[in-house]
């Protein structure tokens, strides 16, 4: 008989994936907007920050899922 994991563990994994995928680009956007305001460069660093945040969120999500599934 296969033993299932508790539902709260699945909810925790889902919420951490959502927070990483949303938090990375948001943090990059805020940091990029701050740098743009500090150096008056327009939306250059905003766009760079969003892409870097998206990459960091994706990488963190992949690492989290691999750790959770045991593919480490």
C-alpha atoms as a PDB file:
ATOM      1  CA  UNK A   1       0.000   0.000   0.000  1.00  0.00           C
ATOM      2  CA  UNK A   2       1.408   3.371  -1.038  1.00  0.00           C
ATOM      3  CA  UNK A   3       1.519   5.944   1.719  1.00  0.00           C
ATOM      4  CA  UNK A   4       0.415   9.435   0.688  1.00  0.00           C
ATOM      5  CA  UNK A   5       1.862  12.660   2.024  1.00  0.00           C
ATOM      6  CA  UNK A   6      -0.246  14.963   4.160  1.00  0.00           C
ATOM      7  CA  UNK A   7      -2.259  17.602   2.267  1.00  0.00           C
ATOM      8  CA  UNK A   8      -0.654  20.440   4.222  1.00  0.00           C
ATOM      9  CA  UNK A   9       2.721  19.498   2.776  1.00  0.00           C
ATOM     10  CA  UNK A  10       1.334  19.865  -0.751  1.00  0.00           C
ATOM     11  CA  UNK A  11      -0.220  23.206   0.173  1.00  0.00           C
ATOM     12  CA  UNK A  12       3.120  24.406   1.561  1.00  0.00           C
ATOM     13  CA  UNK A  13       4.918  23.358  -1.626  1.00  0.00           C
ATOM     14  CA  UNK A  14       2.320  25.095  -3.799  1.00  0.00           C
ATOM     15  CA  UNK A  15       2.469  28.325  -1.821  1.00  0.00           C
ATOM     16  CA  UNK A  16       6.263  28.390  -1.834  1.00  0.00           C
ATOM     17  CA  UNK A  17       6.327  27.856  -5.607  1.00  0.00           C
ATOM     18  CA  UNK A  18       3.832  30.676  -6.096  1.00  0.00           C
ATOM     19  CA  UNK A  19       5.749  33.015  -3.825  1.00  0.00           C
ATOM     20  CA  UNK A  20       9.045  32.327  -5.586  1.00  0.00           C
ATOM     21  CA  UNK A  21       7.581  32.807  -9.050  1.00  0.00           C
ATOM     22  CA  UNK A  22       5.841  36.031  -8.022  1.00  0.00           C
ATOM     23  CA  UNK A  23       8.383  37.377  -5.545  1.00  0.00           C
ATOM     24  CA  UNK A  24      11.437  37.143  -7.774  1.00  0.00           C
ATOM     25  CA  UNK A  25      10.144  39.427 -10.539  1.00  0.00           C
ATOM     26  CA  UNK A  26       8.560  41.781  -8.007  1.00  0.00           C
ATOM     27  CA  UNK A  27      11.818  42.172  -6.098  1.00  0.00           C
ATOM     28  CA  UNK A  28      13.673  42.667  -9.390  1.00  0.00           C
ATOM     29  CA  UNK A  29      11.148  45.277 -10.507  1.00  0.00           C
ATOM     30  CA  UNK A  30      11.404  47.236  -7.268  1.00  0.00           C
ATOM     31  CA  UNK A  31      15.190  47.104  -7.261  1.00  0.00           C
ATOM     32  CA  UNK A  32      15.369  48.032 -10.949  1.00  0.00           C
ATOM     33  CA  UNK A  33      12.964  50.925 -10.466  1.00  0.00           C
ATOM     34  CA  UNK A  34      15.020  52.190  -7.531  1.00  0.00           C
ATOM     35  CA  UNK A  35      18.236  52.038  -9.557  1.00  0.00           C
ATOM     36  CA  UNK A  36      16.533  53.788 -12.483  1.00  0.00           C
ATOM     37  CA  UNK A  37      15.344  56.545 -10.168  1.00  0.00           C
ATOM     38  CA  UNK A  38      18.754  56.885  -8.571  1.00  0.00           C
ATOM     39  CA  UNK A  39      20.672  57.130 -11.866  1.00  0.00           C
ATOM     40  CA  UNK A  40      17.861  58.545 -14.095  1.00  0.00           C
ATOM     41  CA  UNK A  41      18.269  55.810 -16.692  1.00  0.00           C
ATOM     42  CA  UNK A  42      14.639  55.237 -17.667  1.00  0.00           C
ATOM     43  CA  UNK A  43      13.223  51.723 -17.630  1.00  0.00           C
ATOM     44  CA  UNK A  44      16.541  50.021 -18.430  1.00  0.00           C
ATOM     45  CA  UNK A  45      17.241  48.551 -15.003  1.00  0.00           C
ATOM     46  CA  UNK A  46      13.549  47.886 -14.430  1.00  0.00           C
ATOM     47  CA  UNK A  47      13.484  45.529 -17.401  1.00  0.00           C
ATOM     48  CA  UNK A  48      16.811  43.940 -16.428  1.00  0.00           C
ATOM     49  CA  UNK A  49      15.569  43.483 -12.855  1.00  0.00           C
ATOM     50  CA  UNK A  50      12.351  41.821 -13.974  1.00  0.00           C
ATOM     51  CA  UNK A  51      14.231  39.343 -16.153  1.00  0.00           C
ATOM     52  CA  UNK A  52      16.807  38.607 -13.461  1.00  0.00           C
ATOM     53  CA  UNK A  53      14.031  38.151 -10.897  1.00  0.00           C
ATOM     54  CA  UNK A  54      12.153  35.835 -13.223  1.00  0.00           C
ATOM     55  CA  UNK A  55      15.292  33.769 -13.738  1.00  0.00           C
ATOM     56  CA  UNK A  56      16.021  33.639 -10.018  1.00  0.00           C
ATOM     57  CA  UNK A  57      12.427  32.645  -9.233  1.00  0.00           C
ATOM     58  CA  UNK A  58      12.480  29.916 -11.855  1.00  0.00           C
ATOM     59  CA  UNK A  59      15.826  28.593 -10.634  1.00  0.00           C
ATOM     60  CA  UNK A  60      14.608  28.601  -7.034  1.00  0.00           C
ATOM     61  CA  UNK A  61      11.428  26.784  -8.004  1.00  0.00           C
ATOM     62  CA  UNK A  62      13.316  24.097  -9.923  1.00  0.00           C
ATOM     63  CA  UNK A  63      15.696  23.616  -6.999  1.00  0.00           C
ATOM     64  CA  UNK A  64      12.788  23.407  -4.542  1.00  0.00           C
ATOM     65  CA  UNK A  65      10.882  20.834  -6.600  1.00  0.00           C
ATOM     66  CA  UNK A  66      13.999  18.722  -7.129  1.00  0.00           C
ATOM     67  CA  UNK A  67      14.686  18.739  -3.400  1.00  0.00           C
ATOM     68  CA  UNK A  68      11.061  17.848  -2.667  1.00  0.00           C
ATOM     69  CA  UNK A  69      10.961  14.965  -5.134  1.00  0.00           C
ATOM     70  CA  UNK A  70      14.386  13.638  -4.216  1.00  0.00           C
ATOM     71  CA  UNK A  71      16.122  14.320  -7.547  1.00  0.00           C
ATOM     72  CA  UNK A  72      18.819  16.325  -5.772  1.00  0.00           C
END
